[in-house]
């Protein structure tokens, strides 16, 4: 499955210019997990996606109420 959130997160990771190692060091998400996610081999657990979003200064917005998650 390739959701809008996954697509946006992949794009943000690409645009960051950071290596998987640096993202891992900054977020606590294993570089192997990041690599598999980027290769569309696996999805990320919500807590891992959240840590990457925090490092990349992304937020999730609820469409119905405009709430930040």
C-alpha atoms as a PDB file:
ATOM      1  CA  UNK A   1       0.000   0.000   0.000  1.00  0.00           C
ATOM      2  CA  UNK A   2       1.237   3.475  -0.836  1.00  0.00           C
ATOM      3  CA  UNK A   3      -0.766   6.082   1.042  1.00  0.00           C
ATOM      4  CA  UNK A   4      -0.545   9.846   0.656  1.00  0.00           C
ATOM      5  CA  UNK A   5       1.253   9.979   3.993  1.00  0.00           C
ATOM      6  CA  UNK A   6       3.857   7.449   2.868  1.00  0.00           C
ATOM      7  CA  UNK A   7       4.373   9.312  -0.390  1.00  0.00           C
ATOM      8  CA  UNK A   8       4.765  12.640   1.424  1.00  0.00           C
ATOM      9  CA  UNK A   9       7.181  11.154   3.966  1.00  0.00           C
ATOM     10  CA  UNK A  10       9.293   9.527   1.248  1.00  0.00           C
ATOM     11  CA  UNK A  11       9.462  12.826  -0.615  1.00  0.00           C
ATOM     12  CA  UNK A  12      10.443  14.708   2.549  1.00  0.00           C
ATOM     13  CA  UNK A  13      13.209  12.192   3.249  1.00  0.00           C
ATOM     14  CA  UNK A  14      14.527  12.569  -0.316  1.00  0.00           C
ATOM     15  CA  UNK A  15      14.319  16.357  -0.142  1.00  0.00           C
ATOM     16  CA  UNK A  16      16.111  16.488   3.212  1.00  0.00           C
ATOM     17  CA  UNK A  17      19.400  15.441   1.653  1.00  0.00           C
ATOM     18  CA  UNK A  18      20.184  13.487   4.833  1.00  0.00           C
ATOM     19  CA  UNK A  19      21.630   9.992   4.715  1.00  0.00           C
ATOM     20  CA  UNK A  20      19.648   7.138   6.228  1.00  0.00           C
ATOM     21  CA  UNK A  21      22.402   6.904   8.836  1.00  0.00           C
ATOM     22  CA  UNK A  22      22.007  10.567   9.838  1.00  0.00           C
ATOM     23  CA  UNK A  23      18.201  10.282   9.919  1.00  0.00           C
ATOM     24  CA  UNK A  24      18.576   7.185  12.051  1.00  0.00           C
ATOM     25  CA  UNK A  25      20.964   8.900  14.443  1.00  0.00           C
ATOM     26  CA  UNK A  26      18.670  11.930  14.764  1.00  0.00           C
ATOM     27  CA  UNK A  27      15.361  10.040  15.027  1.00  0.00           C
ATOM     28  CA  UNK A  28      16.188   6.677  16.581  1.00  0.00           C
ATOM     29  CA  UNK A  29      14.693   4.798  13.625  1.00  0.00           C
ATOM     30  CA  UNK A  30      16.946   2.028  12.306  1.00  0.00           C
ATOM     31  CA  UNK A  31      18.638   2.919   8.994  1.00  0.00           C
ATOM     32  CA  UNK A  32      17.630  -0.487   7.661  1.00  0.00           C
ATOM     33  CA  UNK A  33      13.968   0.325   8.362  1.00  0.00           C
ATOM     34  CA  UNK A  34      14.329   3.671   6.592  1.00  0.00           C
ATOM     35  CA  UNK A  35      15.970   2.001   3.605  1.00  0.00           C
ATOM     36  CA  UNK A  36      13.262  -0.638   3.307  1.00  0.00           C
ATOM     37  CA  UNK A  37      10.569   2.018   3.615  1.00  0.00           C
ATOM     38  CA  UNK A  38      12.180   4.116   0.897  1.00  0.00           C
ATOM     39  CA  UNK A  39      12.463   1.044  -1.367  1.00  0.00           C
ATOM     40  CA  UNK A  40       8.743   0.338  -0.746  1.00  0.00           C
ATOM     41  CA  UNK A  41       9.594  -3.051   0.742  1.00  0.00           C
ATOM     42  CA  UNK A  42       8.037  -2.288   4.133  1.00  0.00           C
ATOM     43  CA  UNK A  43       5.867   0.275   5.831  1.00  0.00           C
ATOM     44  CA  UNK A  44       6.876   2.038   9.038  1.00  0.00           C
ATOM     45  CA  UNK A  45       5.291   1.647  12.438  1.00  0.00           C
ATOM     46  CA  UNK A  46       3.411   4.753  13.476  1.00  0.00           C
ATOM     47  CA  UNK A  47       5.914   5.605  16.215  1.00  0.00           C
ATOM     48  CA  UNK A  48       8.811   5.403  13.734  1.00  0.00           C
ATOM     49  CA  UNK A  49       6.968   7.517  11.168  1.00  0.00           C
ATOM     50  CA  UNK A  50       6.222  10.036  13.925  1.00  0.00           C
ATOM     51  CA  UNK A  51       9.884  10.286  14.928  1.00  0.00           C
ATOM     52  CA  UNK A  52      10.922  10.818  11.310  1.00  0.00           C
ATOM     53  CA  UNK A  53       8.225  13.466  10.877  1.00  0.00           C
ATOM     54  CA  UNK A  54       9.435  15.227  14.001  1.00  0.00           C
ATOM     55  CA  UNK A  55      13.049  15.214  12.766  1.00  0.00           C
ATOM     56  CA  UNK A  56      11.969  16.483   9.351  1.00  0.00           C
ATOM     57  CA  UNK A  57       9.664  19.087  10.949  1.00  0.00           C
ATOM     58  CA  UNK A  58       6.535  17.640   9.344  1.00  0.00           C
ATOM     59  CA  UNK A  59       3.094  17.474  10.898  1.00  0.00           C
ATOM     60  CA  UNK A  60       0.043  15.422  10.056  1.00  0.00           C
ATOM     61  CA  UNK A  61      -3.187  17.337   9.506  1.00  0.00           C
ATOM     62  CA  UNK A  62      -6.642  15.861   9.925  1.00  0.00           C
ATOM     63  CA  UNK A  63      -8.729  16.759   6.870  1.00  0.00           C
ATOM     64  CA  UNK A  64     -12.139  16.791   8.547  1.00  0.00           C
ATOM     65  CA  UNK A  65     -11.386  19.209  11.355  1.00  0.00           C
ATOM     66  CA  UNK A  66      -8.069  20.737  10.382  1.00  0.00           C
ATOM     67  CA  UNK A  67      -6.526  19.310  13.541  1.00  0.00           C
ATOM     68  CA  UNK A  68      -2.807  18.686  13.898  1.00  0.00           C
ATOM     69  CA  UNK A  69      -1.907  15.207  14.948  1.00  0.00           C
END
